[in-house]
Amino acid sequence: MEDRRRNDRIDVHNIRLAVRNTVDDEPMGLIGNLSPGGMMLITHKQLYTEGILQLSVDVPEDANCGPISMGMKILWCIPANSPDEFWAGLETLDISDTSKASLQKLLAFLSDNS
């Protein structure tokens, strides 16, 4: 499979960054890795390729950045090594300038603390 990533992703699965669906405020899972261009989501929900999600990241207080909300496209979803768990590759489709600045701050914080 060709790797189409434009950005290096930061491995964050040990930090336990939670993600919520902003449409219904339902928890979606935890971020496995993260970059401005996308994320790998660890979820208990089967997601379907080409679907669109509006997500918000539960940012740690000590990251000193604002809230992050972004529109994401589901590129793939596969069963994980654990029962009833899936790994999903998401591409960032839409992010406001404010959320983009917060994401950059969060990524810098995560890089410094990993």
PDB file of N, CA and C in Angstrom:
ATOM      1  N   MET A   1       0.841  -1.174   0.000  1.00  0.00           N
ATOM      2  CA  MET A   1       0.000   0.000   0.000  1.00  0.00           C
ATOM      3  C   MET A   1       0.891   1.244   0.000  1.00  0.00           C
ATOM      4  N   GLU A   2       0.596   2.188  -0.849  1.00  0.00           N
ATOM      5  CA  GLU A   2       1.359   3.432  -0.924  1.00  0.00           C
ATOM      6  C   GLU A   2       1.016   4.323   0.263  1.00  0.00           C
ATOM      7  N   ASP A   3       2.041   4.869   0.908  1.00  0.00           N
ATOM      8  CA  ASP A   3       1.826   5.768   2.040  1.00  0.00           C
ATOM      9  C   ASP A   3       1.677   7.183   1.501  1.00  0.00           C
ATOM     10  N   ARG A   4       0.498   7.781   1.678  1.00  0.00           N
ATOM     11  CA  ARG A   4       0.213   9.093   1.108  1.00  0.00           C
ATOM     12  C   ARG A   4       0.301  10.214   2.130  1.00  0.00           C
ATOM     13  N   ARG A   5       0.874   9.956   3.280  1.00  0.00           N
ATOM     14  CA  ARG A   5       0.941  10.980   4.317  1.00  0.00           C
ATOM     15  C   ARG A   5       1.827  12.130   3.890  1.00  0.00           C
ATOM     16  N   ARG A   6       1.372  13.330   4.198  1.00  0.00           N
ATOM     17  CA  ARG A   6       2.144  14.531   3.909  1.00  0.00           C
ATOM     18  C   ARG A   6       2.930  14.996   5.127  1.00  0.00           C
ATOM     19  N   ASN A   7       2.540  14.528   6.301  1.00  0.00           N
ATOM     20  CA  ASN A   7       3.154  14.951   7.557  1.00  0.00           C
ATOM     21  C   ASN A   7       3.556  13.735   8.367  1.00  0.00           C
ATOM     22  N   ASP A   8       4.640  13.883   9.133  1.00  0.00           N
ATOM     23  CA  ASP A   8       5.002  12.849  10.088  1.00  0.00           C
ATOM     24  C   ASP A   8       3.977  12.868  11.214  1.00  0.00           C
ATOM     25  N   ARG A   9       3.607  11.700  11.670  1.00  0.00           N
ATOM     26  CA  ARG A   9       2.639  11.610  12.761  1.00  0.00           C
ATOM     27  C   ARG A   9       3.357  11.362  14.073  1.00  0.00           C
ATOM     28  N   ILE A  10       2.799  11.904  15.123  1.00  0.00           N
ATOM     29  CA  ILE A  10       3.343  11.721  16.462  1.00  0.00           C
ATOM     30  C   ILE A  10       2.549  10.622  17.149  1.00  0.00           C
ATOM     31  N   ASP A  11       3.265   9.633  17.668  1.00  0.00           N
ATOM     32  CA  ASP A  11       2.644   8.518  18.378  1.00  0.00           C
ATOM     33  C   ASP A  11       2.132   9.032  19.723  1.00  0.00           C
ATOM     34  N   VAL A  12       0.817   8.962  19.946  1.00  0.00           N
ATOM     35  CA  VAL A  12       0.221   9.512  21.169  1.00  0.00           C
ATOM     36  C   VAL A  12      -0.666   8.511  21.908  1.00  0.00           C
ATOM     37  N   HIS A  13      -0.624   7.239  21.531  1.00  0.00           N
ATOM     38  CA  HIS A  13      -1.561   6.278  22.141  1.00  0.00           C
ATOM     39  C   HIS A  13      -1.381   6.155  23.647  1.00  0.00           C
ATOM     40  N   ASN A  14      -0.182   6.394  24.177  1.00  0.00           N
ATOM     41  CA  ASN A  14       0.030   6.298  25.633  1.00  0.00           C
ATOM     42  C   ASN A  14      -0.530   7.496  26.395  1.00  0.00           C
ATOM     43  N   ILE A  15      -0.791   8.599  25.688  1.00  0.00           N
ATOM     44  CA  ILE A  15      -1.301   9.812  26.336  1.00  0.00           C
ATOM     45  C   ILE A  15      -2.817   9.754  26.505  1.00  0.00           C
ATOM     46  N   ARG A  16      -3.466   8.930  25.721  1.00  0.00           N
ATOM     47  CA  ARG A  16      -4.909   8.724  25.819  1.00  0.00           C
ATOM     48  C   ARG A  16      -5.714   9.979  25.491  1.00  0.00           C
ATOM     49  N   LEU A  17      -5.452  10.547  24.312  1.00  0.00           N
ATOM     50  CA  LEU A  17      -6.232  11.691  23.836  1.00  0.00           C
ATOM     51  C   LEU A  17      -7.562  11.194  23.299  1.00  0.00           C
ATOM     52  N   ALA A  18      -8.629  11.567  23.954  1.00  0.00           N
ATOM     53  CA  ALA A  18      -9.971  11.145  23.554  1.00  0.00           C
ATOM     54  C   ALA A  18     -10.512  12.051  22.447  1.00  0.00           C
ATOM     55  N   VAL A  19     -11.363  11.470  21.619  1.00  0.00           N
ATOM     56  CA  VAL A  19     -11.999  12.182  20.506  1.00  0.00           C
ATOM     57  C   VAL A  19     -13.502  11.989  20.626  1.00  0.00           C
ATOM     58  N   ARG A  20     -14.246  13.072  20.357  1.00  0.00           N
ATOM     59  CA  ARG A  20     -15.709  13.031  20.403  1.00  0.00           C
ATOM     60  C   ARG A  20     -16.279  13.433  19.045  1.00  0.00           C
ATOM     61  N   ASN A  21     -17.428  12.873  18.728  1.00  0.00           N
ATOM     62  CA  ASN A  21     -18.192  13.272  17.558  1.00  0.00           C
ATOM     63  C   ASN A  21     -18.950  14.539  17.959  1.00  0.00           C
ATOM     64  N   THR A  22     -18.706  15.651  17.285  1.00  0.00           N
ATOM     65  CA  THR A  22     -19.347  16.905  17.689  1.00  0.00           C
ATOM     66  C   THR A  22     -20.814  16.973  17.285  1.00  0.00           C
ATOM     67  N   VAL A  23     -21.258  16.085  16.423  1.00  0.00           N
ATOM     68  CA  VAL A  23     -22.661  16.080  16.007  1.00  0.00           C
ATOM     69  C   VAL A  23     -23.565  15.610  17.149  1.00  0.00           C
ATOM     70  N   ASP A  24     -23.160  14.520  17.841  1.00  0.00           N
ATOM     71  CA  ASP A  24     -23.987  13.978  18.916  1.00  0.00           C
ATOM     72  C   ASP A  24     -23.252  13.896  20.259  1.00  0.00           C
ATOM     73  N   ASP A  25     -22.038  14.428  20.329  1.00  0.00           N
ATOM     74  CA  ASP A  25     -21.199  14.448  21.529  1.00  0.00           C
ATOM     75  C   ASP A  25     -20.861  13.050  22.047  1.00  0.00           C
ATOM     76  N   GLU A  26     -20.939  12.051  21.187  1.00  0.00           N
ATOM     77  CA  GLU A  26     -20.596  10.678  21.567  1.00  0.00           C
ATOM     78  C   GLU A  26     -19.088  10.475  21.526  1.00  0.00           C
ATOM     79  N   PRO A  27     -18.530   9.757  22.499  1.00  0.00           N
ATOM     80  CA  PRO A  27     -17.108   9.413  22.437  1.00  0.00           C
ATOM     81  C   PRO A  27     -16.837   8.517  21.224  1.00  0.00           C
ATOM     82  N   MET A  28     -15.759   8.812  20.511  1.00  0.00           N
ATOM     83  CA  MET A  28     -15.402   8.028  19.327  1.00  0.00           C
ATOM     84  C   MET A  28     -14.231   7.101  19.579  1.00  0.00           C
ATOM     85  N   GLY A  29     -13.367   7.438  20.533  1.00  0.00           N
ATOM     86  CA  GLY A  29     -12.211   6.592  20.803  1.00  0.00           C
ATOM     87  C   GLY A  29     -11.014   7.414  21.218  1.00  0.00           C
ATOM     88  N   LEU A  30      -9.841   6.817  21.028  1.00  0.00           N
ATOM     89  CA  LEU A  30      -8.580   7.447  21.404  1.00  0.00           C
ATOM     90  C   LEU A  30      -7.699   7.589  20.172  1.00  0.00           C
ATOM     91  N   ILE A  31      -6.881   8.619  20.166  1.00  0.00           N
ATOM     92  CA  ILE A  31      -5.970   8.850  19.049  1.00  0.00           C
ATOM     93  C   ILE A  31      -4.740   7.968  19.227  1.00  0.00           C
ATOM     94  N   GLY A  32      -4.385   7.237  18.179  1.00  0.00           N
ATOM     95  CA  GLY A  32      -3.170   6.425  18.181  1.00  0.00           C
ATOM     96  C   GLY A  32      -1.964   7.229  17.747  1.00  0.00           C
ATOM     97  N   ASN A  33      -2.129   7.986  16.661  1.00  0.00           N
ATOM     98  CA  ASN A  33      -1.098   8.924  16.216  1.00  0.00           C
ATOM     99  C   ASN A  33      -1.779  10.106  15.554  1.00  0.00           C
ATOM    100  N   LEU A  34      -1.029  11.218  15.466  1.00  0.00           N
ATOM    101  CA  LEU A  34      -1.654  12.486  15.086  1.00  0.00           C
ATOM    102  C   LEU A  34      -0.692  13.353  14.301  1.00  0.00           C
ATOM    103  N   SER A  35      -1.212  14.066  13.323  1.00  0.00           N
ATOM    104  CA  SER A  35      -0.470  15.074  12.554  1.00  0.00           C
ATOM    105  C   SER A  35      -1.470  16.104  12.047  1.00  0.00           C
ATOM    106  N   PRO A  36      -0.990  17.199  11.479  1.00  0.00           N
ATOM    107  CA  PRO A  36      -1.937  18.161  10.894  1.00  0.00           C
ATOM    108  C   PRO A  36      -2.783  17.541   9.776  1.00  0.00           C
ATOM    109  N   GLY A  37      -2.259  16.525   9.111  1.00  0.00           N
ATOM    110  CA  GLY A  37      -2.961  15.916   7.983  1.00  0.00           C
ATOM    111  C   GLY A  37      -3.908  14.800   8.329  1.00  0.00           C
ATOM    112  N   GLY A  38      -3.875  14.327   9.593  1.00  0.00           N
ATOM    113  CA  GLY A  38      -4.778  13.241   9.948  1.00  0.00           C
ATOM    114  C   GLY A  38      -4.408  12.550  11.238  1.00  0.00           C
ATOM    115  N   MET A  39      -5.067  11.416  11.460  1.00  0.00           N
ATOM    116  CA  MET A  39      -4.834  10.652  12.678  1.00  0.00           C
ATOM    117  C   MET A  39      -5.206   9.199  12.452  1.00  0.00           C
ATOM    118  N   MET A  40      -4.689   8.350  13.338  1.00  0.00           N
ATOM    119  CA  MET A  40      -5.199   6.994  13.442  1.00  0.00           C
ATOM    120  C   MET A  40      -6.045   6.965  14.706  1.00  0.00           C
ATOM    121  N   LEU A  41      -7.267   6.545  14.566  1.00  0.00           N
ATOM    122  CA  LEU A  41      -8.213   6.487  15.665  1.00  0.00           C
ATOM    123  C   LEU A  41      -8.381   5.045  16.113  1.00  0.00           C
ATOM    124  N   ILE A  42      -8.323   4.819  17.422  1.00  0.00           N
ATOM    125  CA  ILE A  42      -8.603   3.514  18.011  1.00  0.00           C
ATOM    126  C   ILE A  42     -10.020   3.616  18.564  1.00  0.00           C
ATOM    127  N   THR A  43     -10.932   2.833  18.017  1.00  0.00           N
ATOM    128  CA  THR A  43     -12.348   3.004  18.312  1.00  0.00           C
ATOM    129  C   THR A  43     -13.053   1.661  18.508  1.00  0.00           C
ATOM    130  N   HIS A  44     -14.204   1.694  19.156  1.00  0.00           N
ATOM    131  CA  HIS A  44     -15.039   0.508  19.311  1.00  0.00           C
ATOM    132  C   HIS A  44     -16.145   0.483  18.259  1.00  0.00           C
ATOM    133  N   LYS A  45     -16.115   1.457  17.351  1.00  0.00           N
ATOM    134  CA  LYS A  45     -17.146   1.548  16.321  1.00  0.00           C
ATOM    135  C   LYS A  45     -16.575   1.157  14.965  1.00  0.00           C
ATOM    136  N   GLN A  46     -17.310   0.358  14.213  1.00  0.00           N
ATOM    137  CA  GLN A  46     -16.928   0.059  12.835  1.00  0.00           C
ATOM    138  C   GLN A  46     -17.201   1.319  12.018  1.00  0.00           C
ATOM    139  N   LEU A  47     -16.177   1.874  11.396  1.00  0.00           N
ATOM    140  CA  LEU A  47     -16.330   3.068  10.558  1.00  0.00           C
ATOM    141  C   LEU A  47     -16.219   2.654   9.104  1.00  0.00           C
ATOM    142  N   TYR A  48     -16.832   3.417   8.237  1.00  0.00           N
ATOM    143  CA  TYR A  48     -16.898   3.031   6.834  1.00  0.00           C
ATOM    144  C   TYR A  48     -16.147   4.007   5.948  1.00  0.00           C
ATOM    145  N   THR A  49     -15.323   3.438   5.073  1.00  0.00           N
ATOM    146  CA  THR A  49     -14.489   4.205   4.158  1.00  0.00           C
ATOM    147  C   THR A  49     -15.312   5.240   3.405  1.00  0.00           C
ATOM    148  N   GLU A  50     -14.714   6.398   3.244  1.00  0.00           N
ATOM    149  CA  GLU A  50     -15.312   7.551   2.556  1.00  0.00           C
ATOM    150  C   GLU A  50     -16.308   8.310   3.421  1.00  0.00           C
ATOM    151  N   GLY A  51     -16.588   7.841   4.631  1.00  0.00           N
ATOM    152  CA  GLY A  51     -17.475   8.564   5.534  1.00  0.00           C
ATOM    153  C   GLY A  51     -16.808   9.843   6.036  1.00  0.00           C
ATOM    154  N   ILE A  52     -17.612  10.774   6.485  1.00  0.00           N
ATOM    155  CA  ILE A  52     -17.131  12.055   6.994  1.00  0.00           C
ATOM    156  C   ILE A  52     -17.541  12.175   8.465  1.00  0.00           C
ATOM    157  N   LEU A  53     -16.600  12.629   9.282  1.00  0.00           N
ATOM    158  CA  LEU A  53     -16.847  12.830  10.714  1.00  0.00           C
ATOM    159  C   LEU A  53     -16.479  14.254  11.099  1.00  0.00           C
ATOM    160  N   GLN A  54     -17.204  14.824  12.031  1.00  0.00           N
ATOM    161  CA  GLN A  54     -16.834  16.104  12.641  1.00  0.00           C
ATOM    162  C   GLN A  54     -16.411  15.775  14.063  1.00  0.00           C
ATOM    163  N   LEU A  55     -15.121  15.934  14.360  1.00  0.00           N
ATOM    164  CA  LEU A  55     -14.564  15.490  15.632  1.00  0.00           C
ATOM    165  C   LEU A  55     -13.970  16.635  16.429  1.00  0.00           C
ATOM    166  N   SER A  56     -13.957  16.455  17.748  1.00  0.00           N
ATOM    167  CA  SER A  56     -13.223  17.371  18.627  1.00  0.00           C
ATOM    168  C   SER A  56     -12.284  16.534  19.484  1.00  0.00           C
ATOM    169  N   VAL A  57     -11.112  17.104  19.760  1.00  0.00           N
ATOM    170  CA  VAL A  57     -10.093  16.433  20.557  1.00  0.00           C
ATOM    171  C   VAL A  57     -10.182  16.965  21.979  1.00  0.00           C
ATOM    172  N   ASP A  58     -10.221  16.062  22.954  1.00  0.00           N
ATOM    173  CA  ASP A  58     -10.184  16.457  24.359  1.00  0.00           C
ATOM    174  C   ASP A  58      -8.737  16.779  24.707  1.00  0.00           C
ATOM    175  N   VAL A  59      -8.397  18.058  24.665  1.00  0.00           N
ATOM    176  CA  VAL A  59      -7.022  18.528  24.828  1.00  0.00           C
ATOM    177  C   VAL A  59      -6.642  18.558  26.309  1.00  0.00           C
ATOM    178  N   PRO A  60      -5.461  18.025  26.658  1.00  0.00           N
ATOM    179  CA  PRO A  60      -5.027  18.105  28.065  1.00  0.00           C
ATOM    180  C   PRO A  60      -4.818  19.560  28.485  1.00  0.00           C
ATOM    181  N   GLU A  61      -5.211  19.891  29.718  1.00  0.00           N
ATOM    182  CA  GLU A  61      -5.086  21.273  30.202  1.00  0.00           C
ATOM    183  C   GLU A  61      -3.661  21.786  30.159  1.00  0.00           C
ATOM    184  N   ASP A  62      -2.692  20.929  30.493  1.00  0.00           N
ATOM    185  CA  ASP A  62      -1.303  21.380  30.529  1.00  0.00           C
ATOM    186  C   ASP A  62      -0.699  21.595  29.147  1.00  0.00           C
ATOM    187  N   ALA A  63      -1.437  21.286  28.075  1.00  0.00           N
ATOM    188  CA  ALA A  63      -0.953  21.558  26.719  1.00  0.00           C
ATOM    189  C   ALA A  63      -1.041  23.048  26.393  1.00  0.00           C
ATOM    190  N   ASN A  64      -1.849  23.778  27.168  1.00  0.00           N
ATOM    191  CA  ASN A  64      -1.964  25.228  27.019  1.00  0.00           C
ATOM    192  C   ASN A  64      -2.377  25.655  25.610  1.00  0.00           C
ATOM    193  N   CYS A  65      -3.366  24.955  25.058  1.00  0.00           N
ATOM    194  CA  CYS A  65      -3.899  25.346  23.749  1.00  0.00           C
ATOM    195  C   CYS A  65      -5.416  25.244  23.790  1.00  0.00           C
ATOM    196  N   GLY A  66      -6.050  25.871  22.869  1.00  0.00           N
ATOM    197  CA  GLY A  66      -7.505  25.893  22.848  1.00  0.00           C
ATOM    198  C   GLY A  66      -8.094  24.608  22.299  1.00  0.00           C
ATOM    199  N   PRO A  67      -9.414  24.576  22.179  1.00  0.00           N
ATOM    200  CA  PRO A  67     -10.099  23.391  21.668  1.00  0.00           C
ATOM    201  C   PRO A  67      -9.749  23.129  20.196  1.00  0.00           C
ATOM    202  N   ILE A  68      -9.851  21.872  19.813  1.00  0.00           N
ATOM    203  CA  ILE A  68      -9.548  21.482  18.433  1.00  0.00           C
ATOM    204  C   ILE A  68     -10.753  20.740  17.868  1.00  0.00           C
ATOM    205  N   SER A  69     -11.289  21.266  16.789  1.00  0.00           N
ATOM    206  CA  SER A  69     -12.401  20.643  16.083  1.00  0.00           C
ATOM    207  C   SER A  69     -12.006  20.526  14.614  1.00  0.00           C
ATOM    208  N   MET A  70     -12.295  19.371  14.005  1.00  0.00           N
ATOM    209  CA  MET A  70     -11.920  19.197  12.599  1.00  0.00           C
ATOM    210  C   MET A  70     -12.831  18.216  11.878  1.00  0.00           C
ATOM    211  N   GLY A  71     -13.010  18.479  10.607  1.00  0.00           N
ATOM    212  CA  GLY A  71     -13.738  17.569   9.733  1.00  0.00           C
ATOM    213  C   GLY A  71     -12.762  16.539   9.198  1.00  0.00           C
ATOM    214  N   MET A  72     -13.135  15.255   9.296  1.00  0.00           N
ATOM    215  CA  MET A  72     -12.239  14.167   8.928  1.00  0.00           C
ATOM    216  C   MET A  72     -12.911  13.221   7.940  1.00  0.00           C
ATOM    217  N   LYS A  73     -12.118  12.685   7.016  1.00  0.00           N
ATOM    218  CA  LYS A  73     -12.591  11.674   6.068  1.00  0.00           C
ATOM    219  C   LYS A  73     -12.014  10.324   6.483  1.00  0.00           C
ATOM    220  N   ILE A  74     -12.836   9.309   6.505  1.00  0.00           N
ATOM    221  CA  ILE A  74     -12.395   7.963   6.859  1.00  0.00           C
ATOM    222  C   ILE A  74     -11.746   7.327   5.629  1.00  0.00           C
ATOM    223  N   LEU A  75     -10.448   7.041   5.737  1.00  0.00           N
ATOM    224  CA  LEU A  75      -9.720   6.431   4.625  1.00  0.00           C
ATOM    225  C   LEU A  75      -9.753   4.912   4.684  1.00  0.00           C
ATOM    226  N   TRP A  76      -9.711   4.356   5.889  1.00  0.00           N
ATOM    227  CA  TRP A  76      -9.741   2.913   6.082  1.00  0.00           C
ATOM    228  C   TRP A  76     -10.133   2.607   7.517  1.00  0.00           C
ATOM    229  N   CYS A  77     -10.594   1.384   7.741  1.00  0.00           N
ATOM    230  CA  CYS A  77     -10.927   0.912   9.084  1.00  0.00           C
ATOM    231  C   CYS A  77     -10.740  -0.604   9.087  1.00  0.00           C
ATOM    232  N   ILE A  78      -9.930  -1.097  10.037  1.00  0.00           N
ATOM    233  CA  ILE A  78      -9.658  -2.528  10.121  1.00  0.00           C
ATOM    234  C   ILE A  78      -9.837  -3.006  11.561  1.00  0.00           C
ATOM    235  N   PRO A  79     -10.153  -4.289  11.748  1.00  0.00           N
ATOM    236  CA  PRO A  79     -10.226  -4.817  13.114  1.00  0.00           C
ATOM    237  C   PRO A  79      -8.850  -4.721  13.779  1.00  0.00           C
ATOM    238  N   ALA A  80      -8.831  -4.360  15.046  1.00  0.00           N
ATOM    239  CA  ALA A  80      -7.583  -4.267  15.811  1.00  0.00           C
ATOM    240  C   ALA A  80      -7.260  -5.620  16.422  1.00  0.00           C
ATOM    241  N   ASN A  81      -6.220  -5.660  17.224  1.00  0.00           N
ATOM    242  CA  ASN A  81      -5.808  -6.900  17.871  1.00  0.00           C
ATOM    243  C   ASN A  81      -6.697  -7.278  19.045  1.00  0.00           C
ATOM    244  N   SER A  82      -7.507  -6.340  19.505  1.00  0.00           N
ATOM    245  CA  SER A  82      -8.417  -6.586  20.631  1.00  0.00           C
ATOM    246  C   SER A  82      -9.830  -6.810  20.105  1.00  0.00           C
ATOM    247  N   PRO A  83     -10.595  -7.665  20.789  1.00  0.00           N
ATOM    248  CA  PRO A  83     -11.986  -7.881  20.356  1.00  0.00           C
ATOM    249  C   PRO A  83     -12.793  -6.585  20.423  1.00  0.00           C
ATOM    250  N   ASP A  84     -13.683  -6.405  19.487  1.00  0.00           N
ATOM    251  CA  ASP A  84     -14.575  -5.236  19.442  1.00  0.00           C
ATOM    252  C   ASP A  84     -13.824  -3.913  19.367  1.00  0.00           C
ATOM    253  N   GLU A  85     -12.657  -3.907  18.761  1.00  0.00           N
ATOM    254  CA  GLU A  85     -11.893  -2.667  18.612  1.00  0.00           C
ATOM    255  C   GLU A  85     -11.424  -2.558  17.166  1.00  0.00           C
ATOM    256  N   PHE A  86     -11.370  -1.318  16.666  1.00  0.00           N
ATOM    257  CA  PHE A  86     -10.972  -1.061  15.290  1.00  0.00           C
ATOM    258  C   PHE A  86      -9.920   0.027  15.256  1.00  0.00           C
ATOM    259  N   TRP A  87      -9.086  -0.012  14.218  1.00  0.00           N
ATOM    260  CA  TRP A  87      -8.144   1.053  13.917  1.00  0.00           C
ATOM    261  C   TRP A  87      -8.651   1.715  12.651  1.00  0.00           C
ATOM    262  N   ALA A  88      -8.707   3.053  12.658  1.00  0.00           N
ATOM    263  CA  ALA A  88      -9.202   3.783  11.496  1.00  0.00           C
ATOM    264  C   ALA A  88      -8.236   4.900  11.125  1.00  0.00           C
ATOM    265  N   GLY A  89      -7.941   5.005   9.845  1.00  0.00           N
ATOM    266  CA  GLY A  89      -7.117   6.086   9.330  1.00  0.00           C
ATOM    267  C   GLY A  89      -8.014   7.218   8.868  1.00  0.00           C
ATOM    268  N   LEU A  90      -7.789   8.412   9.420  1.00  0.00           N
ATOM    269  CA  LEU A  90      -8.613   9.578   9.097  1.00  0.00           C
ATOM    270  C   LEU A  90      -7.752  10.686   8.504  1.00  0.00           C
ATOM    271  N   GLU A  91      -8.271  11.336   7.490  1.00  0.00           N
ATOM    272  CA  GLU A  91      -7.594  12.457   6.844  1.00  0.00           C
ATOM    273  C   GLU A  91      -8.310  13.757   7.213  1.00  0.00           C
ATOM    274  N   THR A  92      -7.540  14.766   7.562  1.00  0.00           N
ATOM    275  CA  THR A  92      -8.121  16.071   7.884  1.00  0.00           C
ATOM    276  C   THR A  92      -8.629  16.712   6.598  1.00  0.00           C
ATOM    277  N   LEU A  93      -9.926  17.023   6.577  1.00  0.00           N
ATOM    278  CA  LEU A  93     -10.536  17.692   5.428  1.00  0.00           C
ATOM    279  C   LEU A  93     -10.753  19.178   5.684  1.00  0.00           C
ATOM    280  N   ASP A  94     -11.175  19.501   6.903  1.00  0.00           N
ATOM    281  CA  ASP A  94     -11.541  20.877   7.214  1.00  0.00           C
ATOM    282  C   ASP A  94     -11.148  21.188   8.651  1.00  0.00           C
ATOM    283  N   ILE A  95     -10.428  22.293   8.820  1.00  0.00           N
ATOM    284  CA  ILE A  95     -10.030  22.725  10.151  1.00  0.00           C
ATOM    285  C   ILE A  95      -9.912  24.250  10.123  1.00  0.00           C
ATOM    286  N   SER A  96     -10.487  24.913  11.102  1.00  0.00           N
ATOM    287  CA  SER A  96     -10.430  26.380  11.155  1.00  0.00           C
ATOM    288  C   SER A  96      -9.013  26.827  11.479  1.00  0.00           C
ATOM    289  N   ASP A  97      -8.708  28.069  11.212  1.00  0.00           N
ATOM    290  CA  ASP A  97      -7.389  28.610  11.539  1.00  0.00           C
ATOM    291  C   ASP A  97      -7.124  28.539  13.037  1.00  0.00           C
ATOM    292  N   THR A  98      -8.146  28.779  13.841  1.00  0.00           N
ATOM    293  CA  THR A  98      -8.000  28.717  15.300  1.00  0.00           C
ATOM    294  C   THR A  98      -7.681  27.292  15.750  1.00  0.00           C
ATOM    295  N   SER A  99      -8.425  26.308  15.232  1.00  0.00           N
ATOM    296  CA  SER A  99      -8.157  24.913  15.581  1.00  0.00           C
ATOM    297  C   SER A  99      -6.803  24.460  15.049  1.00  0.00           C
ATOM    298  N   LYS A 100      -6.420  24.960  13.868  1.00  0.00           N
ATOM    299  CA  LYS A 100      -5.120  24.605  13.299  1.00  0.00           C
ATOM    300  C   LYS A 100      -3.988  25.102  14.199  1.00  0.00           C
ATOM    301  N   ALA A 101      -4.109  26.329  14.704  1.00  0.00           N
ATOM    302  CA  ALA A 101      -3.096  26.869  15.622  1.00  0.00           C
ATOM    303  C   ALA A 101      -3.064  26.058  16.921  1.00  0.00           C
ATOM    304  N   SER A 102      -4.231  25.671  17.434  1.00  0.00           N
ATOM    305  CA  SER A 102      -4.292  24.846  18.642  1.00  0.00           C
ATOM    306  C   SER A 102      -3.670  23.478  18.401  1.00  0.00           C
ATOM    307  N   LEU A 103      -3.909  22.902  17.229  1.00  0.00           N
ATOM    308  CA  LEU A 103      -3.333  21.605  16.893  1.00  0.00           C
ATOM    309  C   LEU A 103      -1.808  21.694  16.839  1.00  0.00           C
ATOM    310  N   GLN A 104      -1.288  22.766  16.250  1.00  0.00           N
ATOM    311  CA  GLN A 104       0.173  22.947  16.191  1.00  0.00           C
ATOM    312  C   GLN A 104       0.759  23.050  17.599  1.00  0.00           C
ATOM    313  N   LYS A 105       0.084  23.780  18.486  1.00  0.00           N
ATOM    314  CA  LYS A 105       0.536  23.879  19.881  1.00  0.00           C
ATOM    315  C   LYS A 105       0.493  22.519  20.559  1.00  0.00           C
ATOM    316  N   LEU A 106      -0.582  21.769  20.329  1.00  0.00           N
ATOM    317  CA  LEU A 106      -0.708  20.445  20.920  1.00  0.00           C
ATOM    318  C   LEU A 106       0.401  19.528  20.413  1.00  0.00           C
ATOM    319  N   LEU A 107       0.670  19.545  19.118  1.00  0.00           N
ATOM    320  CA  LEU A 107       1.719  18.694  18.561  1.00  0.00           C
ATOM    321  C   LEU A 107       3.088  19.055  19.130  1.00  0.00           C
ATOM    322  N   ALA A 108       3.352  20.344  19.310  1.00  0.00           N
ATOM    323  CA  ALA A 108       4.620  20.777  19.915  1.00  0.00           C
ATOM    324  C   ALA A 108       4.709  20.278  21.352  1.00  0.00           C
ATOM    325  N   PHE A 109       3.610  20.399  22.089  1.00  0.00           N
ATOM    326  CA  PHE A 109       3.554  19.923  23.476  1.00  0.00           C
ATOM    327  C   PHE A 109       3.816  18.414  23.530  1.00  0.00           C
ATOM    328  N   LEU A 110       3.174  17.658  22.645  1.00  0.00           N
ATOM    329  CA  LEU A 110       3.332  16.207  22.623  1.00  0.00           C
ATOM    330  C   LEU A 110       4.748  15.808  22.250  1.00  0.00           C
ATOM    331  N   SER A 111       5.347  16.521  21.302  1.00  0.00           N
ATOM    332  CA  SER A 111       6.737  16.235  20.904  1.00  0.00           C
ATOM    333  C   SER A 111       7.688  16.467  22.057  1.00  0.00           C
ATOM    334  N   ASP A 112       7.454  17.549  22.801  1.00  0.00           N
ATOM    335  CA  ASP A 112       8.326  17.888  23.934  1.00  0.00           C
ATOM    336  C   ASP A 112       8.160  16.918  25.099  1.00  0.00           C
ATOM    337  N   ASN A 113       7.008  16.273  25.198  1.00  0.00           N
ATOM    338  CA  ASN A 113       6.706  15.410  26.336  1.00  0.00           C
ATOM    339  C   ASN A 113       6.677  13.924  26.014  1.00  0.00           C
ATOM    340  N   SER A 114       7.213  13.556  24.844  1.00  0.00           N
ATOM    341  CA  SER A 114       7.201  12.123  24.498  1.00  0.00           C
ATOM    342  C   SER A 114       8.558  11.499  24.689  1.00  0.00           C
TER     343      SER A 114
END
